[in-house]
Amino acid sequence: MTVNEALRATAGVAVLASLAAGHWIDPRWYLFTAFVGANLLQSAFTKWCPAMWIFRRLGLEDR
């Protein structure tokens, strides 16, 4: 798995989990969904995301 694949998978899980939590637990979880979306948007322009640093430290490659 590459850094980009791990980033997309993590973002997908975070979005789906926070949507479920917002629906069944508390609507404030939608703020986390917005945070994930904003982070993905900024990383599209800057090519940098904090999670990418973590994935690289775990040994994933940038192919």
C-alpha atoms as a PDB file:
ATOM      1  CA  MET A   1       0.000   0.000   0.000  1.00  0.00           C
ATOM      2  CA  THR A   2       1.299   3.460  -0.866  1.00  0.00           C
ATOM      3  CA  VAL A   3       1.020   6.684   1.133  1.00  0.00           C
ATOM      4  CA  ASN A   4      -1.753   7.990  -1.150  1.00  0.00           C
ATOM      5  CA  GLU A   5      -3.757   4.780  -0.890  1.00  0.00           C
ATOM      6  CA  ALA A   6      -3.441   4.774   2.900  1.00  0.00           C
ATOM      7  CA  LEU A   7      -4.450   8.435   3.042  1.00  0.00           C
ATOM      8  CA  ARG A   8      -7.555   7.828   0.939  1.00  0.00           C
ATOM      9  CA  ALA A   9      -8.529   4.748   2.954  1.00  0.00           C
ATOM     10  CA  THR A  10      -8.077   6.571   6.257  1.00  0.00           C
ATOM     11  CA  ALA A  11     -10.080   9.569   5.040  1.00  0.00           C
ATOM     12  CA  GLY A  12     -12.854   7.305   3.754  1.00  0.00           C
ATOM     13  CA  VAL A  13     -13.113   5.455   7.052  1.00  0.00           C
ATOM     14  CA  ALA A  14     -13.056   8.745   9.005  1.00  0.00           C
ATOM     15  CA  VAL A  15     -15.816  10.270   6.857  1.00  0.00           C
ATOM     16  CA  LEU A  16     -18.071   7.219   7.037  1.00  0.00           C
ATOM     17  CA  ALA A  17     -17.517   6.732  10.767  1.00  0.00           C
ATOM     18  CA  SER A  18     -18.151  10.395  11.578  1.00  0.00           C
ATOM     19  CA  LEU A  19     -21.285  10.441   9.434  1.00  0.00           C
ATOM     20  CA  ALA A  20     -22.596   7.406  11.318  1.00  0.00           C
ATOM     21  CA  ALA A  21     -21.664   8.968  14.660  1.00  0.00           C
ATOM     22  CA  GLY A  22     -23.358  12.224  13.641  1.00  0.00           C
ATOM     23  CA  HIS A  23     -26.519  10.369  12.744  1.00  0.00           C
ATOM     24  CA  TRP A  24     -26.728   7.974  15.700  1.00  0.00           C
ATOM     25  CA  ILE A  25     -24.789   9.679  18.511  1.00  0.00           C
ATOM     26  CA  ASP A  26     -24.555  13.466  18.237  1.00  0.00           C
ATOM     27  CA  PRO A  27     -24.754  15.877  15.290  1.00  0.00           C
ATOM     28  CA  ARG A  28     -21.550  17.588  16.433  1.00  0.00           C
ATOM     29  CA  TRP A  29     -19.668  14.668  14.858  1.00  0.00           C
ATOM     30  CA  TYR A  30     -20.407  16.307  11.510  1.00  0.00           C
ATOM     31  CA  LEU A  31     -17.753  18.870  12.447  1.00  0.00           C
ATOM     32  CA  PHE A  32     -15.171  16.086  12.244  1.00  0.00           C
ATOM     33  CA  THR A  33     -16.499  15.195   8.793  1.00  0.00           C
ATOM     34  CA  ALA A  34     -16.007  18.826   7.769  1.00  0.00           C
ATOM     35  CA  PHE A  35     -12.465  18.791   9.196  1.00  0.00           C
ATOM     36  CA  VAL A  36     -11.560  15.703   7.159  1.00  0.00           C
ATOM     37  CA  GLY A  37     -12.991  17.294   4.013  1.00  0.00           C
ATOM     38  CA  ALA A  38     -11.129  20.559   4.594  1.00  0.00           C
ATOM     39  CA  ASN A  39      -7.904  18.665   5.217  1.00  0.00           C
ATOM     40  CA  LEU A  40      -8.337  16.706   1.973  1.00  0.00           C
ATOM     41  CA  LEU A  41      -9.020  19.930   0.082  1.00  0.00           C
ATOM     42  CA  GLN A  42      -5.935  21.703   1.408  1.00  0.00           C
ATOM     43  CA  SER A  43      -3.768  18.634   0.744  1.00  0.00           C
ATOM     44  CA  ALA A  44      -4.896  18.660  -2.892  1.00  0.00           C
ATOM     45  CA  PHE A  45      -3.278  22.086  -3.298  1.00  0.00           C
ATOM     46  CA  THR A  46      -0.295  21.804  -0.951  1.00  0.00           C
ATOM     47  CA  LYS A  47       0.523  18.109  -1.547  1.00  0.00           C
ATOM     48  CA  TRP A  48       0.971  17.764   2.233  1.00  0.00           C
ATOM     49  CA  CYS A  49      -1.148  16.257   4.991  1.00  0.00           C
ATOM     50  CA  PRO A  50      -0.146  15.357   8.574  1.00  0.00           C
ATOM     51  CA  ALA A  51      -1.240  11.762   7.995  1.00  0.00           C
ATOM     52  CA  MET A  52       1.211  11.464   5.096  1.00  0.00           C
ATOM     53  CA  TRP A  53       4.108  12.088   7.478  1.00  0.00           C
ATOM     54  CA  ILE A  54       2.811   9.321   9.762  1.00  0.00           C
ATOM     55  CA  PHE A  55       2.411   6.858   6.897  1.00  0.00           C
ATOM     56  CA  ARG A  56       5.931   7.573   5.665  1.00  0.00           C
ATOM     57  CA  ARG A  57       7.296   6.999   9.168  1.00  0.00           C
ATOM     58  CA  LEU A  58       5.474   3.660   9.168  1.00  0.00           C
ATOM     59  CA  GLY A  59       7.411   2.703   6.041  1.00  0.00           C
ATOM     60  CA  LEU A  60       4.882   3.248   3.263  1.00  0.00           C
ATOM     61  CA  GLU A  61       6.268   4.450  -0.052  1.00  0.00           C
ATOM     62  CA  ASP A  62       5.305   7.346  -2.363  1.00  0.00           C
ATOM     63  CA  ARG A  63       4.972   5.653  -5.716  1.00  0.00           C
END
